[in-house]
Protein backbone atom coordinates (compact mmCIF):
# COMPACT_ATOMS: atom_id res chain seq x y z
CA MET A 1 -0.04 0.01 0.08
CA PRO A 2 1.80 3.92 -0.71
CA GLU A 3 2.63 5.82 1.88
CA THR A 4 -0.37 8.37 2.67
CA ASN A 5 -0.04 12.19 2.19
CA ILE A 6 0.44 11.86 6.35
CA GLU A 7 2.59 9.16 6.91
CA LYS A 8 5.26 11.14 4.82
CA PHE A 9 4.86 15.16 5.99
CA LYS A 10 5.05 12.96 9.86
CA LYS A 11 8.30 11.30 8.46
CA GLY A 12 9.31 14.19 7.03
CA ARG A 13 8.67 16.38 10.19
CA GLU A 14 11.28 14.00 12.40
CA ALA A 15 13.85 14.17 10.23
CA LEU A 16 13.41 17.71 10.05
CA ASN A 17 13.23 18.42 13.58
CA GLU A 18 15.88 16.24 14.58
CA ILE A 19 18.57 18.51 12.36
CA VAL A 20 17.46 21.31 13.71
CA LEU A 21 17.96 20.13 17.23
CA ARG A 22 21.15 18.87 16.26
CA TYR A 23 22.54 22.28 15.10
CA GLY A 24 20.13 23.74 17.20
CA GLY A 25 21.61 25.86 20.69
CA ARG A 26 20.19 26.10 23.80
CA ASN A 27 17.57 29.12 22.40
CA ILE A 28 15.72 26.70 19.45
CA LYS A 29 15.47 23.47 21.78
CA ARG A 30 14.24 26.14 24.53
CA PHE A 31 11.84 27.24 22.37
CA PHE A 32 11.04 23.65 20.83
CA THR A 33 10.49 22.80 24.30
CA ILE A 34 7.73 25.51 25.33
CA ASP A 35 6.07 24.58 21.80
CA THR A 36 5.40 21.51 23.41
CA GLN A 37 4.83 22.47 26.60
CA VAL A 38 1.87 25.09 26.12
CA TYR A 39 -0.32 21.94 23.89
CA GLN A 40 -0.13 19.62 27.88
CA GLU A 41 -3.30 19.20 29.42
CA GLY A 42 -3.72 21.72 32.11
CA ALA A 43 -6.84 23.85 33.23
CA ILE A 44 -7.73 23.98 28.96
CA PRO A 45 -7.59 20.52 28.21
CA LYS A 46 -5.20 19.26 25.44
CA LYS A 47 -7.77 19.09 22.60
CA TYR A 48 -9.27 22.11 22.71
CA LYS A 49 -5.19 23.93 22.36
CA GLU A 50 -4.96 21.99 19.95
CA LEU A 51 -8.01 23.34 17.92
CA LEU A 52 -6.39 26.71 19.22
CA GLY A 53 -3.33 25.57 17.36
CA LEU A 54 -5.09 24.99 15.02
CA VAL A 55 -7.31 27.88 13.59
CA SER A 56 -4.05 30.70 15.07
CA SER A 57 -2.06 28.10 12.11
CA LEU A 58 -4.38 28.73 9.61
CA VAL A 59 -5.15 33.00 10.21
CA LEU A 60 -1.28 32.56 9.96
CA ARG A 61 -1.54 29.96 6.50
CA CYS A 62 1.05 27.96 7.82
CA ASP A 63 0.39 24.47 6.08
CA ASP A 64 3.01 22.80 7.99
CA CYS A 65 1.85 24.08 11.36
CA ILE A 66 -2.79 23.25 10.47
CA LYS A 67 -1.55 19.80 8.80
CA TYR A 68 0.01 18.99 12.31
CA HIS A 69 -2.80 20.88 14.11
CA ILE A 70 -5.43 18.09 12.42
CA ILE A 71 -3.69 15.49 13.30
CA GLN A 72 -3.39 16.48 16.62
CA CYS A 73 -6.97 17.30 16.83
CA LYS A 74 -7.99 13.90 15.12
CA GLY A 75 -5.86 12.58 18.43
CA GLU A 76 -7.61 14.22 20.51
CA GLY A 77 -11.05 13.13 19.48
CA VAL A 78 -12.08 16.60 17.40
CA ASN A 79 -15.26 15.40 15.56
CA ASP A 80 -16.21 16.98 12.37
CA ASN A 81 -18.68 19.69 13.74
CA GLU A 82 -16.02 20.70 15.95
CA LEU A 83 -13.20 20.34 13.43
CA GLU A 84 -16.08 22.36 11.02
CA GLU A 85 -16.33 25.50 14.21
CA ALA A 86 -13.19 25.88 14.80
CA LEU A 87 -11.85 26.16 11.22
CA ALA A 88 -15.05 28.53 10.95
CA ILE A 89 -13.44 30.93 13.54
CA GLY A 90 -10.03 30.65 11.78
CA LEU A 91 -12.31 31.64 8.07
CA VAL A 92 -13.58 34.45 9.91
CA VAL A 93 -10.83 36.15 10.76
CA GLY A 94 -8.14 35.06 8.33
CA GLY A 95 -10.35 36.18 5.72
CA SER A 96 -11.24 34.85 2.18
CA ILE A 97 -7.70 34.57 2.13
CA THR A 98 -7.48 31.30 4.21
CA ILE A 99 -9.68 29.59 2.00
CA PRO A 100 -6.94 27.24 -0.03
CA HIS A 101 -5.18 26.25 3.53
CA LEU A 102 -9.24 25.71 4.70
CA ARG A 103 -8.81 23.36 1.56
CA ARG A 104 -5.78 21.47 2.46
CA ALA A 105 -7.47 20.85 6.22
CA LEU A 106 -10.00 19.58 5.36
CA GLN A 107 -7.97 17.09 2.60
CA ALA A 108 -5.67 16.44 5.18
CA TRP A 109 -8.55 15.55 8.13
CA ASP A 110 -11.00 13.41 5.04
CA GLU A 111 -7.27 11.40 4.92
CA LEU A 112 -6.57 11.04 8.62
CA LYS A 113 -10.71 9.52 8.90
CA ASP A 114 -9.65 6.89 6.06
CA ILE A 115 -6.69 5.69 7.86
CA GLU A 116 -8.77 4.68 10.48
């Protein structure tokens, strides 16, 4: 069976992160640690933090970040309706320029659902 786009993304991201951390000094490594820590379970559940990350990534139009948060949202049990409402907020805040990114986000979501 051919490798899915999601699987390729995960492998590529992991390989690139290894390179960054190999070259990265204290400041880069600290940033990566903070990024990991802010999404941990806390007063706001991890599921909602991932949705926040997804909306922020959509508004900033970062396809890699969008795909990462889509994967995390699926893993945290986000359902279709929750995803749609969160993406609608991102669309309203970000405007029509986010539509191509919205398309790719939903394409990734579909692919994740097909993998199940």
